Amino acid sequence: MAVISGLIRVMEKAARKAGGRLRRDFGEVEHLQVSRKGPADFVSKADQRAERIIWDELRAARPDWGFLMEEGGEIAGAEGKPRFIVDPLDGTSNFLHGIPHFAVSIAVQEPRLDGSGWGDVTAAVIYQPILDETYWAEKSRGAWLHDGRLRVSARRHLDESLIATGIPFAGRGDSVEWMKIYAALAPQVAGIRRFGAASLDLAWVAAGRYEGFWESGLAPWDTAAGCLLVREAGGFVSDWRGVSQPICDKQVLAGNDALHSKLHKILANTLKA
C-alpha cells in the first residue's frame, strides 16, 4: 500500500473539495442545456469557483508558495519556494455539454537551484469527480490510482496500440500539422481517441489504458501533473524533437519506452517531409 505524503494529502483534499463542487454544478448543466442563454456563463462561474476553492485550500496549507493558475494567472511566492500549477476544470467543453469526462489537475514545480527559472515537477494530483478517481505521483515514488501502483502499458507494437490525441479547434492549434500526423499514424495503430481532457489522457497513459498520446498548443496547467504521472509510471514524455522538458505543453508526445521511440520517429519523419 502506498504511503501518502502530507503534500499529496493537501493537494488531494483541495482537488476533492473542488471536484465535489464541480460534481454538483455538473448536475445543473443538463437542465441548462435547453435554456435560451445556455450554460456557458454558469460553467465559467463553476470553473472560477473551483479555482477559488483550490486556492483557499492550498494557500492555507502552504502560504509562502506560488501559483500558476488557468484563471488567476501567475502569483509569486516567497523566494526559493515551489509553486502550484492548477487547472480547476480540464475538459471545460465536455462539462459545458454535459459529458462526464473532466478533471481537476494540480502539480508542484520546484525552482531551479541557480535561480534561473522553474525546474522539475515533483508532485501531481489529477482527480476525476464523476468516477471518483484520484491519480497521484511524486518524483521517485511512483504513480498511483488511489493506493494501486500504475504502470504504463506493456504493448510493444503499434498495431496493438490505442493512441489518444487532442484535435485543434476554434483557431487553437495547428490543424495542418495535426492532419499530417494523423494521416501517418492512423493506418499503423489499433485506434485513435479524442476525449477532450489532456490531463486525463496522460493519466490514462500512465494507467496503461492508452499506449500513447500526442497534442500541441497546450498550456502548463494542462500537462504538468500528467507528465509526472507518465514518467513515474515508467513512460516517456517529450516534445516533437524527442527532448524531455520538465513540462511538455507546446508539444506533447507520451508513451512507454518501446512505443515512444516509434511514435517519435513517425512524427519526426512526417513533419520533416
C-alpha atoms as a PDB file:
ATOM      1  CA  MET A   1       0.000   0.000   0.000  1.00  0.00           C
ATOM      2  CA  ALA A   2       1.234   3.495  -0.853  1.00  0.00           C
ATOM      3  CA  VAL A   3       2.413   5.790   1.909  1.00  0.00           C
ATOM      4  CA  ILE A   4       0.844   9.147   1.047  1.00  0.00           C
ATOM      5  CA  SER A   5       2.864  12.217   1.957  1.00  0.00           C
ATOM      6  CA  GLY A   6       1.464  15.257   3.677  1.00  0.00           C
ATOM      7  CA  LEU A   7       1.827  17.301   0.483  1.00  0.00           C
ATOM      8  CA  ILE A   8      -0.181  14.839  -1.602  1.00  0.00           C
ATOM      9  CA  ARG A   9      -2.857  14.762   1.087  1.00  0.00           C
ATOM     10  CA  VAL A  10      -3.109  18.553   0.961  1.00  0.00           C
ATOM     11  CA  MET A  11      -3.354  18.511  -2.837  1.00  0.00           C
ATOM     12  CA  GLU A  12      -5.882  15.690  -2.884  1.00  0.00           C
ATOM     13  CA  LYS A  13      -8.042  17.431  -0.285  1.00  0.00           C
ATOM     14  CA  ALA A  14      -8.096  20.580  -2.423  1.00  0.00           C
ATOM     15  CA  ALA A  15      -8.833  18.622  -5.615  1.00  0.00           C
ATOM     16  CA  ARG A  16     -11.603  16.600  -3.995  1.00  0.00           C
ATOM     17  CA  LYS A  17     -13.220  19.654  -2.437  1.00  0.00           C
ATOM     18  CA  ALA A  18     -13.226  21.465  -5.777  1.00  0.00           C
ATOM     19  CA  GLY A  19     -14.306  18.274  -7.542  1.00  0.00           C
ATOM     20  CA  GLY A  20     -17.260  17.867  -5.204  1.00  0.00           C
ATOM     21  CA  ARG A  21     -18.454  21.340  -6.102  1.00  0.00           C
ATOM     22  CA  LEU A  22     -17.935  20.646  -9.807  1.00  0.00           C
ATOM     23  CA  ARG A  23     -19.908  17.421  -9.468  1.00  0.00           C
ATOM     24  CA  ARG A  24     -22.855  19.355  -8.011  1.00  0.00           C
ATOM     25  CA  ASP A  25     -22.590  22.040 -10.675  1.00  0.00           C
ATOM     26  CA  PHE A  26     -22.388  19.379 -13.385  1.00  0.00           C
ATOM     27  CA  GLY A  27     -25.776  18.129 -12.226  1.00  0.00           C
ATOM     28  CA  GLU A  28     -27.231  21.506 -13.163  1.00  0.00           C
ATOM     29  CA  VAL A  29     -25.746  21.656 -16.660  1.00  0.00           C
ATOM     30  CA  GLU A  30     -28.238  19.195 -18.151  1.00  0.00           C
ATOM     31  CA  HIS A  31     -31.129  21.401 -17.053  1.00  0.00           C
ATOM     32  CA  LEU A  32     -29.490  24.490 -18.525  1.00  0.00           C
ATOM     33  CA  GLN A  33     -28.925  22.955 -21.976  1.00  0.00           C
ATOM     34  CA  VAL A  34     -32.493  23.740 -23.017  1.00  0.00           C
ATOM     35  CA  SER A  35     -32.424  27.388 -21.886  1.00  0.00           C
ATOM     36  CA  ARG A  36     -32.034  30.156 -24.442  1.00  0.00           C
ATOM     37  CA  LYS A  37     -28.996  31.652 -22.709  1.00  0.00           C
ATOM     38  CA  GLY A  38     -27.368  28.249 -22.394  1.00  0.00           C
ATOM     39  CA  PRO A  39     -24.968  27.025 -19.741  1.00  0.00           C
ATOM     40  CA  ALA A  40     -21.805  28.882 -20.817  1.00  0.00           C
ATOM     41  CA  ASP A  41     -21.934  31.582 -18.128  1.00  0.00           C
ATOM     42  CA  PHE A  42     -22.786  29.021 -15.469  1.00  0.00           C
ATOM     43  CA  VAL A  43     -19.835  26.814 -16.451  1.00  0.00           C
ATOM     44  CA  SER A  44     -17.444  29.780 -16.464  1.00  0.00           C
ATOM     45  CA  LYS A  45     -18.510  30.585 -12.910  1.00  0.00           C
ATOM     46  CA  ALA A  46     -18.189  26.918 -11.918  1.00  0.00           C
ATOM     47  CA  ASP A  47     -14.596  26.977 -13.216  1.00  0.00           C
ATOM     48  CA  GLN A  48     -13.816  30.113 -11.218  1.00  0.00           C
ATOM     49  CA  ARG A  49     -15.455  28.757  -8.054  1.00  0.00           C
ATOM     50  CA  ALA A  50     -13.427  25.548  -8.287  1.00  0.00           C
ATOM     51  CA  GLU A  51     -10.194  27.502  -8.687  1.00  0.00           C
ATOM     52  CA  ARG A  52     -11.036  29.629  -5.656  1.00  0.00           C
ATOM     53  CA  ILE A  53     -11.646  26.529  -3.553  1.00  0.00           C
ATOM     54  CA  ILE A  54      -8.269  25.106  -4.594  1.00  0.00           C
ATOM     55  CA  TRP A  55      -6.524  28.428  -3.950  1.00  0.00           C
ATOM     56  CA  ASP A  56      -8.028  28.721  -0.471  1.00  0.00           C
ATOM     57  CA  GLU A  57      -7.087  25.151   0.490  1.00  0.00           C
ATOM     58  CA  LEU A  58      -3.538  25.244  -0.859  1.00  0.00           C
ATOM     59  CA  ARG A  59      -2.829  28.768   0.359  1.00  0.00           C
ATOM     60  CA  ALA A  60      -3.872  27.809   3.884  1.00  0.00           C
ATOM     61  CA  ALA A  61      -1.546  24.794   3.850  1.00  0.00           C
ATOM     62  CA  ARG A  62       1.447  26.383   2.055  1.00  0.00           C
ATOM     63  CA  PRO A  63       1.084  30.168   2.477  1.00  0.00           C
ATOM     64  CA  ASP A  64       4.518  31.047   1.090  1.00  0.00           C
ATOM     65  CA  TRP A  65       4.286  29.004  -2.130  1.00  0.00           C
ATOM     66  CA  GLY A  66       3.495  30.491  -5.522  1.00  0.00           C
ATOM     67  CA  PHE A  67       0.751  29.647  -8.009  1.00  0.00           C
ATOM     68  CA  LEU A  68       0.285  29.333 -11.757  1.00  0.00           C
ATOM     69  CA  MET A  69      -3.429  29.017 -12.478  1.00  0.00           C
ATOM     70  CA  GLU A  70      -5.515  28.883 -15.625  1.00  0.00           C
ATOM     71  CA  GLU A  71      -7.934  31.561 -14.426  1.00  0.00           C
ATOM     72  CA  GLY A  72      -5.873  33.508 -11.902  1.00  0.00           C
ATOM     73  CA  GLY A  73      -2.565  33.581 -13.751  1.00  0.00           C
ATOM     74  CA  GLU A  74       0.814  33.610 -12.018  1.00  0.00           C
ATOM     75  CA  ILE A  75       1.105  34.599  -8.359  1.00  0.00           C
ATOM     76  CA  ALA A  76       4.618  34.765  -6.951  1.00  0.00           C
ATOM     77  CA  GLY A  77       5.502  33.010  -3.709  1.00  0.00           C
ATOM     78  CA  ALA A  78       8.425  33.534  -1.395  1.00  0.00           C
ATOM     79  CA  GLU A  79      11.873  33.367  -2.979  1.00  0.00           C
ATOM     80  CA  GLY A  80      13.115  29.809  -3.414  1.00  0.00           C
ATOM     81  CA  LYS A  81       9.719  28.222  -2.752  1.00  0.00           C
ATOM     82  CA  PRO A  82       7.848  25.869  -5.119  1.00  0.00           C
ATOM     83  CA  ARG A  83       4.681  26.763  -6.930  1.00  0.00           C
ATOM     84  CA  PHE A  84       1.378  25.004  -7.502  1.00  0.00           C
ATOM     85  CA  ILE A  85       0.209  24.674 -11.119  1.00  0.00           C
ATOM     86  CA  VAL A  86      -3.587  24.450 -11.169  1.00  0.00           C
ATOM     87  CA  ASP A  87      -6.232  23.622 -13.745  1.00  0.00           C
ATOM     88  CA  PRO A  88      -9.532  23.663 -11.839  1.00  0.00           C
ATOM     89  CA  LEU A  89     -11.551  22.239 -14.727  1.00  0.00           C
ATOM     90  CA  ASP A  90      -9.736  20.431 -17.524  1.00  0.00           C
ATOM     91  CA  GLY A  91     -12.325  19.410 -20.095  1.00  0.00           C
ATOM     92  CA  THR A  92     -14.454  22.545 -19.938  1.00  0.00           C
ATOM     93  CA  SER A  93     -16.143  21.827 -23.276  1.00  0.00           C
ATOM     94  CA  ASN A  94     -17.139  18.365 -22.064  1.00  0.00           C
ATOM     95  CA  PHE A  95     -18.537  19.882 -18.861  1.00  0.00           C
ATOM     96  CA  LEU A  96     -20.379  22.537 -20.859  1.00  0.00           C
ATOM     97  CA  HIS A  97     -22.111  19.896 -22.993  1.00  0.00           C
ATOM     98  CA  GLY A  98     -22.964  17.550 -20.138  1.00  0.00           C
ATOM     99  CA  ILE A  99     -20.261  14.992 -20.993  1.00  0.00           C
ATOM    100  CA  PRO A 100     -18.940  13.411 -17.765  1.00  0.00           C
ATOM    101  CA  HIS A 101     -15.239  13.463 -18.680  1.00  0.00           C
ATOM    102  CA  PHE A 102     -13.313  16.251 -16.945  1.00  0.00           C
ATOM    103  CA  ALA A 103     -10.798  16.621 -14.153  1.00  0.00           C
ATOM    104  CA  VAL A 104      -9.091  18.801 -11.579  1.00  0.00           C
ATOM    105  CA  SER A 105      -5.309  18.933 -12.082  1.00  0.00           C
ATOM    106  CA  ILE A 106      -2.737  20.163  -9.534  1.00  0.00           C
ATOM    107  CA  ALA A 107       1.055  19.906  -9.786  1.00  0.00           C
ATOM    108  CA  VAL A 108       4.029  21.183  -7.791  1.00  0.00           C
ATOM    109  CA  GLN A 109       7.035  22.628  -9.623  1.00  0.00           C
ATOM    110  CA  GLU A 110      10.363  23.352  -7.934  1.00  0.00           C
ATOM    111  CA  PRO A 111      12.538  26.414  -8.635  1.00  0.00           C
ATOM    112  CA  ARG A 112      15.937  25.764 -10.174  1.00  0.00           C
ATOM    113  CA  LEU A 113      18.750  25.933  -7.640  1.00  0.00           C
ATOM    114  CA  ASP A 114      20.591  28.519  -9.713  1.00  0.00           C
ATOM    115  CA  GLY A 115      17.572  30.815  -9.694  1.00  0.00           C
ATOM    116  CA  SER A 116      17.196  30.687 -13.472  1.00  0.00           C
ATOM    117  CA  GLY A 117      13.537  29.750 -13.501  1.00  0.00           C
ATOM    118  CA  TRP A 118      11.456  26.658 -12.883  1.00  0.00           C
ATOM    119  CA  GLY A 119      12.663  23.081 -12.875  1.00  0.00           C
ATOM    120  CA  ASP A 120      11.229  19.656 -12.136  1.00  0.00           C
ATOM    121  CA  VAL A 121       7.632  18.820 -11.325  1.00  0.00           C
ATOM    122  CA  THR A 122       7.805  16.791  -8.125  1.00  0.00           C
ATOM    123  CA  ALA A 123       4.184  16.119  -7.134  1.00  0.00           C
ATOM    124  CA  ALA A 124       0.920  15.684  -9.035  1.00  0.00           C
ATOM    125  CA  VAL A 125      -2.760  15.015  -8.402  1.00  0.00           C
ATOM    126  CA  ILE A 126      -5.437  14.541 -11.078  1.00  0.00           C
ATOM    127  CA  TYR A 127      -8.978  13.987  -9.793  1.00  0.00           C
ATOM    128  CA  GLN A 128     -11.886  12.799 -11.933  1.00  0.00           C
ATOM    129  CA  PRO A 129     -15.004  13.816  -9.920  1.00  0.00           C
ATOM    130  CA  ILE A 130     -17.588  11.708 -11.750  1.00  0.00           C
ATOM    131  CA  LEU A 131     -15.678   8.415 -11.416  1.00  0.00           C
ATOM    132  CA  ASP A 132     -14.145   9.495  -8.077  1.00  0.00           C
ATOM    133  CA  GLU A 133     -10.672   8.554  -9.335  1.00  0.00           C
ATOM    134  CA  THR A 134      -7.578  10.147  -7.789  1.00  0.00           C
ATOM    135  CA  TYR A 135      -4.362   9.760  -9.767  1.00  0.00           C
ATOM    136  CA  TRP A 136      -1.243  10.949  -7.979  1.00  0.00           C
ATOM    137  CA  ALA A 137       2.517  10.812  -8.236  1.00  0.00           C
ATOM    138  CA  GLU A 138       5.642  12.061  -6.517  1.00  0.00           C
ATOM    139  CA  LYS A 139       9.076  12.196  -8.071  1.00  0.00           C
ATOM    140  CA  SER A 140      10.968   8.916  -7.467  1.00  0.00           C
ATOM    141  CA  ARG A 141       7.961   7.441  -5.587  1.00  0.00           C
ATOM    142  CA  GLY A 142       5.912   6.139  -8.492  1.00  0.00           C
ATOM    143  CA  ALA A 143       2.444   6.851  -9.870  1.00  0.00           C
ATOM    144  CA  TRP A 144      -0.757   5.650  -8.255  1.00  0.00           C
ATOM    145  CA  LEU A 145      -4.520   5.387  -8.661  1.00  0.00           C
ATOM    146  CA  HIS A 146      -5.744   5.606  -5.081  1.00  0.00           C
ATOM    147  CA  ASP A 147      -3.438   3.031  -3.429  1.00  0.00           C
ATOM    148  CA  GLY A 148      -2.791   0.924  -6.548  1.00  0.00           C
ATOM    149  CA  ARG A 149       0.517   1.312  -8.384  1.00  0.00           C
ATOM    150  CA  LEU A 150       0.292   2.458 -12.002  1.00  0.00           C
ATOM    151  CA  ARG A 151       2.392   1.113 -14.859  1.00  0.00           C
ATOM    152  CA  VAL A 152       2.356   2.127 -18.491  1.00  0.00           C
ATOM    153  CA  SER A 153       1.137  -0.437 -20.990  1.00  0.00           C
ATOM    154  CA  ALA A 154       3.499  -3.281 -21.869  1.00  0.00           C
ATOM    155  CA  ARG A 155       2.360  -3.413 -25.507  1.00  0.00           C
ATOM    156  CA  ARG A 156       5.288  -3.108 -27.918  1.00  0.00           C
ATOM    157  CA  HIS A 157       3.602  -2.983 -31.319  1.00  0.00           C
ATOM    158  CA  LEU A 158       1.759  -0.066 -32.884  1.00  0.00           C
ATOM    159  CA  ASP A 159      -0.911  -2.267 -34.457  1.00  0.00           C
ATOM    160  CA  GLU A 160      -1.974  -3.331 -30.938  1.00  0.00           C
ATOM    161  CA  SER A 161      -1.936   0.201 -29.557  1.00  0.00           C
ATOM    162  CA  LEU A 162      -4.627   2.733 -28.729  1.00  0.00           C
ATOM    163  CA  ILE A 163      -3.377   6.308 -29.059  1.00  0.00           C
ATOM    164  CA  ALA A 164      -5.014   9.443 -27.659  1.00  0.00           C
ATOM    165  CA  THR A 165      -4.826  12.946 -29.083  1.00  0.00           C
ATOM    166  CA  GLY A 166      -6.295  16.417 -28.944  1.00  0.00           C
ATOM    167  CA  ILE A 167      -7.684  17.885 -32.154  1.00  0.00           C
ATOM    168  CA  PRO A 168      -7.188  21.585 -32.996  1.00  0.00           C
ATOM    169  CA  PHE A 169     -10.400  23.588 -32.731  1.00  0.00           C
ATOM    170  CA  ALA A 170     -11.709  27.167 -32.895  1.00  0.00           C
ATOM    171  CA  GLY A 171      -8.425  28.507 -34.180  1.00  0.00           C
ATOM    172  CA  ARG A 172      -6.351  26.808 -31.477  1.00  0.00           C
ATOM    173  CA  GLY A 173      -3.527  24.522 -32.529  1.00  0.00           C
ATOM    174  CA  ASP A 174      -2.042  23.677 -35.915  1.00  0.00           C
ATOM    175  CA  SER A 175      -4.653  21.752 -37.891  1.00  0.00           C
ATOM    176  CA  VAL A 176      -2.350  21.142 -40.878  1.00  0.00           C
ATOM    177  CA  GLU A 177       0.335  19.645 -38.651  1.00  0.00           C
ATOM    178  CA  TRP A 178      -2.236  17.528 -36.809  1.00  0.00           C
ATOM    179  CA  MET A 179      -3.701  16.137 -40.036  1.00  0.00           C
ATOM    180  CA  LYS A 180      -0.231  15.158 -41.281  1.00  0.00           C
ATOM    181  CA  ILE A 181       0.468  13.275 -38.060  1.00  0.00           C
ATOM    182  CA  TYR A 182      -2.951  11.619 -38.080  1.00  0.00           C
ATOM    183  CA  ALA A 183      -2.593  10.516 -41.702  1.00  0.00           C
ATOM    184  CA  ALA A 184       0.779   8.927 -40.964  1.00  0.00           C
ATOM    185  CA  LEU A 185      -0.177   7.321 -37.652  1.00  0.00           C
ATOM    186  CA  ALA A 186      -3.780   6.152 -38.092  1.00  0.00           C
ATOM    187  CA  PRO A 187      -3.040   3.311 -40.563  1.00  0.00           C
ATOM    188  CA  GLN A 188      -0.463   1.844 -38.176  1.00  0.00           C
ATOM    189  CA  VAL A 189      -2.372   1.727 -34.859  1.00  0.00           C
ATOM    190  CA  ALA A 190      -5.393  -0.063 -33.415  1.00  0.00           C
ATOM    191  CA  GLY A 191      -7.272   3.173 -32.878  1.00  0.00           C
ATOM    192  CA  ILE A 192      -7.090   6.897 -32.112  1.00  0.00           C
ATOM    193  CA  ARG A 193      -9.244   8.537 -29.446  1.00  0.00           C
ATOM    194  CA  ARG A 194     -10.062  12.166 -28.690  1.00  0.00           C
ATOM    195  CA  PHE A 195     -11.804  12.517 -25.311  1.00  0.00           C
ATOM    196  CA  GLY A 196     -11.142  16.199 -24.656  1.00  0.00           C
ATOM    197  CA  ALA A 197      -9.179  16.409 -21.381  1.00  0.00           C
ATOM    198  CA  ALA A 198      -5.395  16.274 -21.739  1.00  0.00           C
ATOM    199  CA  SER A 199      -4.755  15.679 -18.032  1.00  0.00           C
ATOM    200  CA  LEU A 200      -6.878  12.533 -18.122  1.00  0.00           C
ATOM    201  CA  ASP A 201      -5.330  11.429 -21.418  1.00  0.00           C
ATOM    202  CA  LEU A 202      -1.920  11.479 -19.737  1.00  0.00           C
ATOM    203  CA  ALA A 203      -3.261   9.823 -16.583  1.00  0.00           C
ATOM    204  CA  TRP A 204      -4.705   7.054 -18.754  1.00  0.00           C
ATOM    205  CA  VAL A 205      -1.338   6.579 -20.483  1.00  0.00           C
ATOM    206  CA  ALA A 206       0.164   6.176 -17.009  1.00  0.00           C
ATOM    207  CA  ALA A 207      -2.562   3.662 -16.152  1.00  0.00           C
ATOM    208  CA  GLY A 208      -1.941   1.623 -19.336  1.00  0.00           C
ATOM    209  CA  ARG A 209      -5.368   2.415 -20.795  1.00  0.00           C
ATOM    210  CA  TYR A 210      -3.759   4.203 -23.727  1.00  0.00           C
ATOM    211  CA  GLU A 211      -0.403   3.282 -25.199  1.00  0.00           C
ATOM    212  CA  GLY A 212       0.416   6.831 -26.267  1.00  0.00           C
ATOM    213  CA  PHE A 213      -0.727  10.436 -26.571  1.00  0.00           C
ATOM    214  CA  TRP A 214       0.150  13.439 -28.711  1.00  0.00           C
ATOM    215  CA  GLU A 215      -1.076  17.017 -28.787  1.00  0.00           C
ATOM    216  CA  SER A 216       0.298  20.502 -29.353  1.00  0.00           C
ATOM    217  CA  GLY A 217      -0.645  24.008 -28.282  1.00  0.00           C
ATOM    218  CA  LEU A 218      -1.438  23.184 -24.669  1.00  0.00           C
ATOM    219  CA  ALA A 219      -0.604  25.175 -21.521  1.00  0.00           C
ATOM    220  CA  PRO A 220       1.454  24.130 -18.462  1.00  0.00           C
ATOM    221  CA  TRP A 221      -1.650  23.601 -16.323  1.00  0.00           C
ATOM    222  CA  ASP A 222      -2.992  21.113 -18.896  1.00  0.00           C
ATOM    223  CA  THR A 223       0.003  18.785 -18.704  1.00  0.00           C
ATOM    224  CA  ALA A 224       2.206  19.453 -15.637  1.00  0.00           C
ATOM    225  CA  ALA A 225       0.588  16.783 -13.460  1.00  0.00           C
ATOM    226  CA  GLY A 226       0.094  14.311 -16.302  1.00  0.00           C
ATOM    227  CA  CYS A 227       3.728  14.465 -17.445  1.00  0.00           C
ATOM    228  CA  LEU A 228       4.912  13.418 -13.978  1.00  0.00           C
ATOM    229  CA  LEU A 229       2.337  10.615 -13.794  1.00  0.00           C
ATOM    230  CA  VAL A 230       3.519   9.107 -17.089  1.00  0.00           C
ATOM    231  CA  ARG A 231       7.176   9.311 -16.121  1.00  0.00           C
ATOM    232  CA  GLU A 232       6.625   7.827 -12.670  1.00  0.00           C
ATOM    233  CA  ALA A 233       4.601   5.014 -14.255  1.00  0.00           C
ATOM    234  CA  GLY A 234       7.632   4.079 -16.377  1.00  0.00           C
ATOM    235  CA  GLY A 235       6.810   6.033 -19.525  1.00  0.00           C
ATOM    236  CA  PHE A 236       8.432   8.829 -21.500  1.00  0.00           C
ATOM    237  CA  VAL A 237       7.239  12.342 -22.339  1.00  0.00           C
ATOM    238  CA  SER A 238       8.945  14.653 -24.823  1.00  0.00           C
ATOM    239  CA  ASP A 239       8.362  17.306 -27.435  1.00  0.00           C
ATOM    240  CA  TRP A 240       8.373  16.578 -31.196  1.00  0.00           C
ATOM    241  CA  ARG A 241      12.192  16.669 -31.218  1.00  0.00           C
ATOM    242  CA  GLY A 242      12.374  13.981 -28.564  1.00  0.00           C
ATOM    243  CA  VAL A 243      13.580  16.430 -25.915  1.00  0.00           C
ATOM    244  CA  SER A 244      12.217  15.783 -22.419  1.00  0.00           C
ATOM    245  CA  GLN A 245      11.161  19.028 -20.725  1.00  0.00           C
ATOM    246  CA  PRO A 246      10.023  19.300 -17.067  1.00  0.00           C
ATOM    247  CA  ILE A 247       6.620  20.259 -18.513  1.00  0.00           C
ATOM    248  CA  CYS A 248       5.844  19.421 -22.137  1.00  0.00           C
ATOM    249  CA  ASP A 249       2.926  21.589 -23.217  1.00  0.00           C
ATOM    250  CA  LYS A 250       3.524  23.275 -26.584  1.00  0.00           C
ATOM    251  CA  GLN A 251       4.279  19.796 -27.947  1.00  0.00           C
ATOM    252  CA  VAL A 252       3.490  16.626 -26.002  1.00  0.00           C
ATOM    253  CA  LEU A 253       4.363  13.071 -27.013  1.00  0.00           C
ATOM    254  CA  ALA A 254       3.897  10.361 -24.382  1.00  0.00           C
ATOM    255  CA  GLY A 255       4.196   6.579 -24.400  1.00  0.00           C
ATOM    256  CA  ASN A 256       6.013   3.587 -22.968  1.00  0.00           C
ATOM    257  CA  ASP A 257       9.694   3.022 -23.700  1.00  0.00           C
ATOM    258  CA  ALA A 258       9.188   0.994 -26.892  1.00  0.00           C
ATOM    259  CA  LEU A 259       6.314   2.943 -28.395  1.00  0.00           C
ATOM    260  CA  HIS A 260       7.527   6.433 -27.562  1.00  0.00           C
ATOM    261  CA  SER A 261      10.527   5.959 -29.830  1.00  0.00           C
ATOM    262  CA  LYS A 262       8.343   4.562 -32.623  1.00  0.00           C
ATOM    263  CA  LEU A 263       5.840   7.401 -32.299  1.00  0.00           C
ATOM    264  CA  HIS A 264       8.640   9.958 -32.241  1.00  0.00           C
ATOM    265  CA  LYS A 265      10.133   8.527 -35.428  1.00  0.00           C
ATOM    266  CA  ILE A 266       6.780   8.758 -37.210  1.00  0.00           C
ATOM    267  CA  LEU A 267       6.237  12.356 -36.088  1.00  0.00           C
ATOM    268  CA  ALA A 268       9.773  13.410 -36.969  1.00  0.00           C
ATOM    269  CA  ASN A 269       9.651  11.844 -40.439  1.00  0.00           C
ATOM    270  CA  THR A 270       6.171  13.200 -41.124  1.00  0.00           C
ATOM    271  CA  LEU A 271       6.897  16.781 -40.125  1.00  0.00           C
ATOM    272  CA  LYS A 272      10.264  16.765 -41.913  1.00  0.00           C
ATOM    273  CA  ALA A 273       8.662  15.764 -45.192  1.00  0.00           C
END
